[in-house]
Amino acid sequence: MSTLALKGPYWVTVRQYRRTLWLTGALALLTLAVIGGLRIWDLQTPDVHLQDGYSTPSDENRGFRTLTFAMDYLGQGILILPLLAGAFVAGPLVAREFESGTYKVSLTQSLSPAAWLRAKLLTTTAVALVTTVALMSAFRIGWGRMAPSGYLSWDPHPYAATGIVHFAYVLAAVAVGALLGLLIRRTLVAMSATGLVMGVVMLVMGAYRWSILPVKTITGPVGPSLWAPGGGLVMETGLLTSSGTRFDRMVCWEEASRTPGTDGGGDLWSKIEARCLARNDVTGQYVDYHPASHFWPTQLIETGILLALAALAAFAAFRVLRARHP
């Protein structure tokens, strides 16, 4: 039905890759059905109510355990979706057309090279974004059970699946895949190169996203461990001297470990560590953390970076196409 509403190169693109599109849609619907079914199964077993007013899933709740298992795999699938989208664009969608020479057929049908590439990219982008929405919706159905209402998770899977940044990853992957497909023009090599480039982008952004905004610091006396308020993301913890200088606790741990008789810890280890802390004038502790208010600004900044990358890659792809096929 959808192909009847499309015209020209858009209809050709959908018709050419209809099996891939049907498979993608079927997998997305299957994911929604599985997560929804596990959520219903989980609801069949009442939670165990604790004395502090909280509740926890019962040990007999096999539905919850299965849902947890499925959510882990779903989160991983959402993370690799941009890699799959980029590899598909780079390989079967673009590079294979040049490798086999079939692109010449389209360009002889009163179709400009730019219109040919635009139809392929817009069609793929629409399908990829709809698939992303479906998978993220399934994740939210399960995540509503895994985390309290309003809870922000800083882990990679829920960070990507409950925010807006993943849409930017998909757009960047499609644009990078188109550029590399035009440059390399070999299906498998273009797919591998796109996976490598986008993998590096995802690793770099994951490693440095929490360095974009400055951390906040709270301090307190030596004693029970400090916690980041409001469910913040802890970046670093440590000890402070009376002058406010940060002290590496490993110094005292290494001293205690070198003392005979402290292999298993115990009172002797604690006494040696306490004497070491007192000797180094340790009087307090600190926690560097990102408050919950940093979650969405970080998402927006990372999204902006990825959209800029997508725009540059798309611009470069059309320039390459124009230079080789004026």
Protein backbone atom coordinates (compact mmCIF):
# COMPACT_ATOMS: atom_id res chain seq x y z
CA MET A 1 0.00 0.00 0.00
CA SER A 2 2.79 2.43 0.85
CA THR A 3 4.46 1.92 -2.53
CA LEU A 4 1.28 3.05 -4.31
CA ALA A 5 1.56 6.51 -2.75
CA LEU A 6 5.17 6.96 -3.86
CA LYS A 7 6.30 8.17 -7.25
CA GLY A 8 9.44 8.16 -9.35
CA PRO A 9 12.73 7.26 -7.67
CA TYR A 10 11.08 6.90 -4.26
CA TRP A 11 8.80 4.17 -5.59
CA VAL A 12 11.77 2.48 -7.28
CA THR A 13 13.81 2.55 -4.04
CA VAL A 14 11.00 1.05 -1.97
CA ARG A 15 10.27 -1.54 -4.65
CA GLN A 16 13.93 -2.46 -5.00
CA TYR A 17 14.44 -3.04 -1.26
CA ARG A 18 10.94 -4.10 -0.31
CA ARG A 19 12.11 -7.34 1.32
CA THR A 20 14.50 -5.47 3.58
CA LEU A 21 11.77 -2.97 4.47
CA TRP A 22 9.27 -5.73 5.24
CA LEU A 23 11.82 -7.54 7.40
CA THR A 24 12.67 -4.33 9.27
CA GLY A 25 9.01 -3.58 9.94
CA ALA A 26 8.33 -7.15 11.04
CA LEU A 27 11.24 -7.12 13.51
CA ALA A 28 10.11 -3.78 14.95
CA LEU A 29 6.54 -5.02 15.44
CA LEU A 30 7.80 -8.30 16.90
CA THR A 31 9.92 -6.38 19.40
CA LEU A 32 6.94 -4.31 20.50
CA ALA A 33 4.83 -7.46 20.86
CA VAL A 34 7.47 -9.34 22.85
CA ILE A 35 8.19 -6.50 25.29
CA GLY A 36 4.48 -5.78 25.68
CA GLY A 37 3.76 -9.46 26.28
CA LEU A 38 6.54 -9.75 28.87
CA ARG A 39 5.22 -6.66 30.61
CA ILE A 40 1.77 -8.23 30.86
CA TRP A 41 3.29 -11.49 32.11
CA ASP A 42 5.22 -9.55 34.73
CA LEU A 43 2.02 -7.93 36.00
CA GLN A 44 0.50 -11.32 36.77
CA THR A 45 2.73 -11.77 39.84
CA PRO A 46 2.28 -9.21 42.67
CA ASP A 47 5.34 -7.45 44.05
CA VAL A 48 6.67 -8.00 47.54
CA HIS A 49 6.08 -4.94 49.75
CA LEU A 50 8.97 -3.92 52.00
CA GLN A 51 8.83 -2.28 55.43
CA ASP A 52 10.19 1.05 54.17
CA GLY A 53 7.23 1.47 51.82
CA TYR A 54 8.99 0.27 48.70
CA SER A 55 8.21 -2.88 46.77
CA THR A 56 10.34 -5.34 44.84
CA PRO A 57 9.55 -8.07 42.30
CA SER A 58 8.90 -11.47 43.81
CA ASP A 59 11.47 -14.25 43.43
CA GLU A 60 8.75 -16.28 41.70
CA ASN A 61 8.19 -13.56 39.10
CA ARG A 62 9.66 -15.24 36.02
CA GLY A 63 8.08 -12.59 33.83
CA PHE A 64 10.21 -9.86 35.40
CA ARG A 65 13.41 -11.89 35.04
CA THR A 66 12.64 -12.59 31.39
CA LEU A 67 11.79 -8.93 30.82
CA THR A 68 15.13 -7.90 32.32
CA PHE A 69 16.93 -10.32 30.00
CA ALA A 70 15.03 -9.05 26.95
CA MET A 71 15.66 -5.40 27.85
CA ASP A 72 19.42 -5.99 27.92
CA TYR A 73 19.35 -7.32 24.37
CA LEU A 74 16.95 -4.62 23.22
CA GLY A 75 19.25 -1.92 24.58
CA GLN A 76 22.18 -3.43 22.71
CA GLY A 77 20.10 -3.62 19.53
CA ILE A 78 19.17 0.05 19.79
CA LEU A 79 22.83 0.98 20.21
CA ILE A 80 23.91 -0.84 17.05
CA LEU A 81 20.97 0.38 14.94
CA PRO A 82 22.93 3.38 13.56
CA LEU A 83 25.74 1.03 12.53
CA LEU A 84 23.27 -1.17 10.64
CA ALA A 85 21.59 1.81 8.96
CA GLY A 86 24.91 3.32 7.91
CA ALA A 87 26.26 0.01 6.61
CA PHE A 88 23.09 -0.59 4.57
CA VAL A 89 23.29 2.85 2.97
CA ALA A 90 27.01 2.55 2.25
CA GLY A 91 26.80 -0.96 0.82
CA PRO A 92 23.58 -2.21 -0.82
CA LEU A 93 22.03 1.22 -1.33
CA VAL A 94 24.95 3.18 -2.84
CA ALA A 95 28.20 1.29 -3.36
CA ARG A 96 26.58 -1.77 -4.96
CA GLU A 97 24.83 0.46 -7.49
CA PHE A 98 28.21 1.72 -8.71
CA GLU A 99 29.93 -1.64 -8.35
CA SER A 100 27.36 -3.33 -10.58
CA GLY A 101 26.72 -0.33 -12.82
CA THR A 102 22.96 -0.38 -12.25
CA TYR A 103 22.96 3.31 -11.31
CA LYS A 104 23.32 4.10 -15.04
CA VAL A 105 19.81 2.79 -15.65
CA SER A 106 18.33 5.31 -13.22
CA LEU A 107 20.35 8.19 -14.64
CA THR A 108 19.05 7.49 -18.15
CA GLN A 109 15.44 7.96 -17.03
CA SER A 110 15.55 11.78 -17.04
CA LEU A 111 16.70 11.66 -13.44
CA SER A 112 19.55 13.82 -12.16
CA PRO A 113 22.26 12.22 -10.00
CA ALA A 114 21.27 14.48 -7.08
CA ALA A 115 17.61 13.44 -7.31
CA TRP A 116 18.67 9.78 -7.48
CA LEU A 117 20.76 10.03 -4.30
CA ARG A 118 18.20 12.22 -2.55
CA ALA A 119 15.44 9.66 -3.09
CA LYS A 120 17.56 6.88 -1.66
CA LEU A 121 18.65 8.85 1.40
CA LEU A 122 15.22 10.27 2.25
CA THR A 123 13.56 6.86 1.93
CA THR A 124 16.19 5.15 4.06
CA THR A 125 16.16 7.94 6.63
CA ALA A 126 12.38 7.75 7.00
CA VAL A 127 12.46 3.97 7.49
CA ALA A 128 15.38 4.17 9.93
CA LEU A 129 13.72 6.87 12.03
CA VAL A 130 10.39 5.02 12.17
CA THR A 131 12.22 1.86 13.21
CA THR A 132 14.07 3.83 15.89
CA VAL A 133 10.79 5.19 17.23
CA ALA A 134 9.31 1.67 17.38
CA LEU A 135 12.32 0.19 19.21
CA MET A 136 12.55 3.12 21.62
CA SER A 137 8.82 2.81 22.33
CA ALA A 138 9.31 -0.86 23.15
CA PHE A 139 12.22 0.04 25.41
CA ARG A 140 10.12 2.62 27.25
CA ILE A 141 7.39 0.03 27.83
CA GLY A 142 9.91 -2.17 29.60
CA TRP A 143 11.86 0.67 31.18
CA GLY A 144 8.74 1.84 32.98
CA ARG A 145 9.01 -1.37 34.99
CA MET A 146 12.80 -1.39 35.39
CA ALA A 147 13.15 2.12 36.85
CA PRO A 148 11.01 4.41 39.06
CA SER A 149 8.92 7.10 37.41
CA GLY A 150 11.04 10.07 36.38
CA TYR A 151 14.28 8.19 37.02
CA LEU A 152 17.15 9.19 34.73
CA SER A 153 19.70 6.52 33.91
CA TRP A 154 23.20 7.49 32.88
CA ASP A 155 24.10 4.04 31.53
CA PRO A 156 24.68 3.83 27.73
CA HIS A 157 21.62 1.71 26.85
CA PRO A 158 18.88 3.72 28.60
CA TYR A 159 20.72 7.00 27.91
CA ALA A 160 20.37 6.35 24.18
CA ALA A 161 16.97 4.69 24.27
CA THR A 162 15.16 7.21 26.48
CA GLY A 163 16.51 10.44 24.98
CA ILE A 164 16.68 12.22 21.63
CA VAL A 165 20.35 11.74 20.82
CA HIS A 166 19.84 8.38 19.12
CA PHE A 167 17.90 9.98 16.28
CA ALA A 168 20.96 12.12 15.56
CA TYR A 169 23.16 9.01 15.54
CA VAL A 170 20.88 7.46 12.91
CA LEU A 171 20.99 10.59 10.73
CA ALA A 172 24.77 10.81 11.04
CA ALA A 173 25.15 7.13 10.12
CA VAL A 174 22.98 7.50 7.01
CA ALA A 175 24.95 10.54 5.82
CA VAL A 176 28.36 8.99 6.56
CA GLY A 177 27.29 5.78 4.83
CA ALA A 178 26.26 7.70 1.71
CA LEU A 179 29.57 9.57 1.60
CA LEU A 180 31.72 6.46 2.05
CA GLY A 181 29.62 4.50 -0.43
CA LEU A 182 30.21 7.18 -3.07
CA LEU A 183 33.91 7.38 -2.31
CA ILE A 184 34.70 3.65 -2.07
CA ARG A 185 32.15 2.12 -4.47
CA ARG A 186 32.83 -1.39 -3.21
CA THR A 187 29.99 -2.94 -1.24
CA LEU A 188 31.76 -4.85 1.52
CA VAL A 189 34.58 -2.34 1.91
CA ALA A 190 32.13 0.57 2.14
CA MET A 191 30.04 -1.26 4.74
CA SER A 192 33.11 -2.07 6.82
CA ALA A 193 34.42 1.49 6.60
CA THR A 194 31.07 2.94 7.66
CA GLY A 195 30.85 0.57 10.62
CA LEU A 196 34.39 1.52 11.63
CA VAL A 197 33.83 5.28 11.34
CA MET A 198 30.52 5.27 13.17
CA GLY A 199 31.90 2.89 15.78
CA VAL A 200 34.73 5.34 16.47
CA VAL A 201 32.25 8.23 16.63
CA MET A 202 30.08 6.38 19.15
CA LEU A 203 33.07 5.37 21.27
CA VAL A 204 34.49 8.90 21.31
CA MET A 205 31.15 10.50 22.18
CA GLY A 206 30.56 7.90 24.87
CA ALA A 207 33.97 8.55 26.39
CA TYR A 208 33.75 12.35 26.39
CA ARG A 209 30.04 13.19 26.68
CA TRP A 210 30.33 13.67 30.43
CA SER A 211 33.24 16.06 29.96
CA ILE A 212 31.13 18.57 28.05
CA LEU A 213 29.64 20.20 31.14
CA PRO A 214 31.65 20.89 34.31
CA VAL A 215 31.00 18.67 37.31
CA LYS A 216 29.73 19.85 40.65
CA THR A 217 31.41 18.94 43.92
CA ILE A 218 30.08 18.22 47.39
CA THR A 219 32.27 17.70 50.45
CA GLY A 220 31.80 16.28 53.91
CA PRO A 221 33.70 14.90 56.90
CA VAL A 222 35.36 11.51 56.82
CA GLY A 223 32.76 8.86 57.63
CA PRO A 224 29.91 7.29 55.69
CA SER A 225 30.26 7.59 51.92
CA LEU A 226 28.74 10.65 50.29
CA TRP A 227 26.07 10.23 47.63
CA ALA A 228 25.32 12.44 44.65
CA PRO A 229 22.03 14.21 45.41
CA GLY A 230 18.98 13.66 43.24
CA GLY A 231 20.25 10.61 41.41
CA GLY A 232 23.23 12.42 39.90
CA LEU A 233 26.07 10.73 38.05
CA VAL A 234 29.15 10.23 40.25
CA MET A 235 32.36 10.94 38.32
CA GLU A 236 34.99 10.79 41.06
CA THR A 237 35.22 10.34 44.82
CA GLY A 238 38.14 10.81 47.16
CA LEU A 239 39.57 12.25 50.36
CA LEU A 240 40.54 15.79 51.37
CA THR A 241 43.19 17.10 53.73
CA SER A 242 42.50 19.96 56.14
CA SER A 243 43.88 22.41 53.56
CA GLY A 244 41.42 21.18 50.91
CA THR A 245 44.02 19.23 48.90
CA ARG A 246 42.82 15.98 47.38
CA PHE A 247 44.46 12.88 48.80
CA ASP A 248 44.84 9.53 47.03
CA ARG A 249 43.46 6.83 49.30
CA MET A 250 45.59 4.21 47.52
CA VAL A 251 48.59 5.51 49.47
CA CYS A 252 47.11 4.20 52.72
CA TRP A 253 45.76 1.03 51.12
CA GLU A 254 49.20 0.18 49.77
CA GLU A 255 50.75 0.83 53.19
CA ALA A 256 48.23 -1.48 54.82
CA SER A 257 48.71 -4.17 52.18
CA ARG A 258 52.47 -4.20 52.79
CA THR A 259 51.98 -4.83 56.51
CA PRO A 260 52.19 -8.52 57.51
CA GLY A 261 48.95 -9.99 58.77
CA THR A 262 46.57 -7.78 56.77
CA ASP A 263 45.98 -10.11 53.82
CA GLY A 264 42.34 -10.62 54.71
CA GLY A 265 41.61 -7.09 55.88
CA GLY A 266 40.12 -6.95 59.35
CA ASP A 267 40.86 -4.75 62.35
CA LEU A 268 44.61 -4.50 61.73
CA TRP A 269 44.04 -3.20 58.21
CA SER A 270 41.56 -0.61 59.51
CA LYS A 271 43.95 0.57 62.23
CA ILE A 272 46.86 0.97 59.83
CA GLU A 273 44.68 2.82 57.34
CA ALA A 274 43.32 5.13 60.07
CA ARG A 275 46.87 5.96 61.30
CA CYS A 276 47.92 6.69 57.70
CA LEU A 277 44.96 9.01 57.15
CA ALA A 278 45.65 10.85 60.40
CA ARG A 279 49.35 11.20 59.57
CA ASN A 280 48.47 12.76 56.20
CA ASP A 281 45.98 15.16 57.83
CA VAL A 282 42.94 13.71 56.03
CA THR A 283 39.82 15.32 57.45
CA GLY A 284 37.15 15.11 54.74
CA GLN A 285 35.91 13.57 51.51
CA TYR A 286 34.49 14.82 48.22
CA VAL A 287 32.29 13.69 45.34
CA ASP A 288 32.44 15.09 41.82
CA TYR A 289 29.13 14.51 40.06
CA HIS A 290 26.78 15.59 37.30
CA PRO A 291 23.37 16.62 38.69
CA ALA A 292 20.18 15.43 37.04
CA SER A 293 19.85 18.89 35.44
CA HIS A 294 22.85 18.03 33.21
CA PHE A 295 21.11 15.07 31.55
CA TRP A 296 19.07 16.89 28.91
CA PRO A 297 21.60 19.66 28.15
CA THR A 298 24.19 16.94 27.51
CA GLN A 299 21.73 15.16 25.22
CA LEU A 300 21.07 18.38 23.31
CA ILE A 301 24.75 19.24 22.92
CA GLU A 302 25.63 15.74 21.76
CA THR A 303 22.66 15.82 19.36
CA GLY A 304 23.89 19.12 17.93
CA ILE A 305 27.38 17.72 17.35
CA LEU A 306 25.99 14.67 15.55
CA LEU A 307 23.59 16.73 13.43
CA ALA A 308 26.52 18.92 12.38
CA LEU A 309 28.42 15.77 11.40
CA ALA A 310 25.40 14.52 9.46
CA ALA A 311 25.05 17.83 7.61
CA LEU A 312 28.75 17.93 6.69
CA ALA A 313 28.74 14.30 5.50
CA ALA A 314 25.58 14.81 3.43
CA PHE A 315 26.97 18.00 1.89
CA ALA A 316 30.22 16.22 1.04
CA ALA A 317 28.32 13.27 -0.46
CA PHE A 318 26.40 15.48 -2.88
CA ARG A 319 29.57 17.38 -3.80
CA VAL A 320 31.35 14.11 -4.57
CA LEU A 321 28.39 12.94 -6.66
CA ARG A 322 28.27 16.23 -8.55
CA ALA A 323 32.01 16.15 -9.22
CA ARG A 324 31.91 12.63 -10.65
CA HIS A 325 28.52 12.89 -12.39
CA PRO A 326 27.86 16.52 -13.34
